[in-house]
Amino acid sequence: MNQLSLGKRSAARVTIALASRCPLTIFDEAYLGMDAPSRYGFYEEVLNDYLEYPRTVILSTHLIEEFGSLFEQVLIMDRGQLLVQEETDQLRERGTAITGPVEVVDRFVGGMPVLSEQTLGRTKSATVNQTLSAERRRDARAAGLDLGPVALQDLFIHLTEPKDREKRS
């Protein structure tokens, strides 16, 4: 094993872990050293093995978007503190990017928890940490605003940024 590259050692460890079929299988950054095709092969094998031999699989990762399709539930931890524990689909719906004229966006997001804002000329995009009801979505569209999803990785970044940590304290 010591003669193998880091990526091949990681692949060997992953193979052993999957083959063990333990009731609780934990992968902590198990893909280190793997190139992109190998990582995607790993994700596929984890999913296939889980479907054939259901059990609890914990994936600890910083590559959130790459793993996103595998998650049933997401836990976001920061400095040992549990920030979020939600079903993946619920978490995906939580964040919304709202884009339009500066004044209209500001009025619409008033009172909402805003994770980030970007302004370019007269256009503004605000990312909010709130699920919008169907009525609020209709209101946004009627006001000429565009609504978009927020990637899990972006939510993770916004929720773990130092400025957000200070707001939660």
Protein backbone atom coordinates (compact mmCIF):
# COMPACT_ATOMS: atom_id res chain seq x y z
CA MET A 1 0.00 0.00 0.00
CA ASN A 2 2.79 2.46 0.84
CA GLN A 3 4.09 2.19 -2.73
CA LEU A 4 0.78 3.40 -4.21
CA SER A 5 -0.04 7.02 -5.01
CA LEU A 6 -2.36 8.87 -2.62
CA GLY A 7 -5.26 8.46 -5.06
CA LYS A 8 -4.71 4.70 -5.38
CA ARG A 9 -4.37 4.31 -1.60
CA SER A 10 -7.67 6.19 -1.23
CA ALA A 11 -9.30 3.93 -3.84
CA ALA A 12 -8.05 0.81 -2.02
CA ARG A 13 -9.38 2.09 1.33
CA VAL A 14 -12.76 2.91 -0.23
CA THR A 15 -12.94 -0.57 -1.76
CA ILE A 16 -12.24 -2.19 1.62
CA ALA A 17 -14.79 0.03 3.36
CA LEU A 18 -17.51 -0.77 0.82
CA ALA A 19 -16.69 -4.48 0.87
CA SER A 20 -17.00 -4.59 4.68
CA ARG A 21 -20.72 -3.74 4.42
CA CYS A 22 -20.67 -2.46 8.00
CA PRO A 23 -24.05 -1.19 9.29
CA LEU A 24 -22.37 2.19 9.71
CA THR A 25 -19.88 3.14 7.01
CA ILE A 26 -18.01 6.42 7.38
CA PHE A 27 -16.04 8.11 4.61
CA ASP A 28 -14.07 11.12 5.84
CA GLU A 29 -12.65 12.92 2.79
CA ALA A 30 -12.09 9.41 1.39
CA TYR A 31 -11.49 10.69 -2.15
CA LEU A 32 -8.25 12.56 -1.36
CA GLY A 33 -5.77 12.22 -4.21
CA MET A 34 -8.37 10.85 -6.64
CA ASP A 35 -8.77 12.61 -9.96
CA ALA A 36 -12.26 13.75 -11.06
CA PRO A 37 -13.18 10.55 -12.99
CA SER A 38 -12.10 8.41 -10.03
CA ARG A 39 -14.12 10.55 -7.60
CA TYR A 40 -17.23 10.22 -9.75
CA GLY A 41 -16.65 6.46 -9.94
CA PHE A 42 -16.41 6.44 -6.13
CA TYR A 43 -19.72 8.33 -5.78
CA GLU A 44 -21.41 5.92 -8.15
CA GLU A 45 -20.08 2.88 -6.30
CA VAL A 46 -21.15 4.25 -2.91
CA LEU A 47 -24.67 4.79 -4.24
CA ASN A 48 -24.87 1.40 -5.98
CA ASP A 49 -23.56 -0.41 -2.90
CA TYR A 50 -25.95 1.47 -0.64
CA LEU A 51 -28.91 0.57 -2.87
CA GLU A 52 -27.91 -3.10 -2.86
CA TYR A 53 -26.94 -3.23 0.83
CA PRO A 54 -28.86 -0.45 2.64
CA ARG A 55 -27.15 0.92 5.72
CA THR A 56 -26.12 4.24 7.20
CA VAL A 57 -23.38 5.90 5.18
CA ILE A 58 -21.77 9.08 6.45
CA LEU A 59 -19.85 11.14 3.91
CA SER A 60 -17.71 13.92 5.31
CA THR A 61 -16.67 16.25 2.52
CA HIS A 62 -15.80 19.74 1.41
CA LEU A 63 -16.78 18.90 -2.20
CA ILE A 64 -20.45 19.54 -1.54
CA GLU A 65 -21.72 19.95 -5.10
CA GLU A 66 -19.94 16.81 -6.28
CA PHE A 67 -21.58 14.76 -3.52
CA GLY A 68 -24.91 16.62 -3.51
CA SER A 69 -26.86 14.02 -5.48
CA LEU A 70 -25.97 11.33 -2.91
CA PHE A 71 -27.22 13.14 0.17
CA GLU A 72 -30.54 12.29 1.80
CA GLN A 73 -29.78 14.54 4.75
CA VAL A 74 -27.25 17.32 5.19
CA LEU A 75 -25.53 18.29 8.41
CA ILE A 76 -23.41 21.41 8.33
CA MET A 77 -20.96 21.77 11.16
CA ASP A 78 -18.69 24.70 11.85
CA ARG A 79 -16.05 24.62 14.55
CA GLY A 80 -17.80 21.72 16.27
CA GLN A 81 -21.21 23.44 16.28
CA LEU A 82 -24.13 21.90 14.38
CA LEU A 83 -25.53 24.70 12.22
CA VAL A 84 -27.96 22.78 10.01
CA GLN A 85 -29.53 19.33 9.96
CA GLU A 86 -32.14 18.97 7.22
CA GLU A 87 -33.35 16.76 4.45
CA THR A 88 -31.41 17.68 1.32
CA ASP A 89 -34.48 18.72 -0.68
CA GLN A 90 -35.69 20.99 2.14
CA LEU A 91 -32.26 22.59 2.40
CA ARG A 92 -32.14 23.19 -1.36
CA GLU A 93 -35.49 25.01 -1.13
CA ARG A 94 -34.33 27.10 1.81
CA GLY A 95 -32.09 29.42 -0.16
CA THR A 96 -33.34 31.64 -2.95
CA ALA A 97 -31.44 34.08 -5.14
CA ILE A 98 -33.62 37.12 -5.88
CA THR A 99 -32.49 39.37 -8.73
CA GLY A 100 -33.89 42.60 -10.16
CA PRO A 101 -33.77 46.37 -9.81
CA VAL A 102 -31.99 47.44 -6.60
CA GLU A 103 -34.98 49.20 -5.02
CA VAL A 104 -37.40 46.37 -5.83
CA VAL A 105 -35.06 43.70 -4.43
CA ASP A 106 -34.44 45.75 -1.27
CA ARG A 107 -38.18 46.17 -0.71
CA PHE A 108 -38.92 42.50 -1.38
CA VAL A 109 -36.22 41.09 0.92
CA GLY A 110 -36.95 43.50 3.77
CA GLY A 111 -37.22 41.47 6.98
CA MET A 112 -35.79 38.32 5.40
CA PRO A 113 -32.49 36.78 6.51
CA VAL A 114 -30.15 37.92 3.71
CA LEU A 115 -27.04 35.78 3.32
CA SER A 116 -25.34 37.86 0.65
CA GLU A 117 -25.92 40.72 -1.77
CA GLN A 118 -24.28 41.72 -5.03
CA THR A 119 -24.97 44.88 -6.97
CA LEU A 120 -23.99 45.67 -10.53
CA GLY A 121 -25.25 49.04 -11.70
CA ARG A 122 -28.98 49.15 -11.08
CA THR A 123 -29.31 45.39 -10.72
CA LYS A 124 -29.06 43.57 -7.43
CA SER A 125 -28.99 39.94 -6.43
CA ALA A 126 -29.78 39.00 -2.84
CA THR A 127 -29.47 35.47 -1.51
CA VAL A 128 -31.97 34.81 1.26
CA ASN A 129 -32.06 31.98 3.76
CA GLN A 130 -35.79 31.45 3.65
CA THR A 131 -38.22 29.21 1.82
CA LEU A 132 -40.56 31.37 -0.24
CA SER A 133 -44.24 30.46 -0.27
CA ALA A 134 -46.07 30.15 -3.58
CA GLU A 135 -47.69 33.51 -2.85
CA ARG A 136 -44.33 35.22 -2.22
CA ARG A 137 -43.00 33.68 -5.44
CA ARG A 138 -45.96 35.09 -7.37
CA ASP A 139 -45.41 38.50 -5.73
CA ALA A 140 -41.75 38.41 -6.77
CA ARG A 141 -42.56 37.58 -10.37
CA ALA A 142 -45.29 40.22 -10.47
CA ALA A 143 -42.70 42.76 -9.27
CA GLY A 144 -40.39 41.75 -12.13
CA LEU A 145 -37.93 39.82 -9.98
CA ASP A 146 -36.11 36.68 -11.05
CA LEU A 147 -35.92 33.82 -8.56
CA GLY A 148 -33.24 31.18 -8.68
CA PRO A 149 -31.96 28.28 -6.63
CA VAL A 150 -28.91 28.49 -4.41
CA ALA A 151 -26.41 25.65 -4.69
CA LEU A 152 -25.79 23.60 -1.53
CA GLN A 153 -22.15 24.68 -1.65
CA ASP A 154 -23.17 28.36 -1.70
CA LEU A 155 -25.52 27.86 1.27
CA PHE A 156 -22.70 26.10 3.10
CA ILE A 157 -20.32 28.98 2.41
CA HIS A 158 -22.84 31.64 3.45
CA LEU A 159 -23.79 29.80 6.64
CA THR A 160 -20.18 29.24 7.72
CA GLU A 161 -18.71 32.65 6.85
CA PRO A 162 -17.31 34.45 9.90
CA LYS A 163 -19.79 37.34 9.56
CA ASP A 164 -22.70 34.88 9.70
CA ARG A 165 -21.19 33.18 12.75
CA GLU A 166 -21.19 36.54 14.56
CA LYS A 167 -24.88 37.06 13.70
CA ARG A 168 -25.79 33.67 15.19
CA SER A 169 -23.86 34.19 18.45
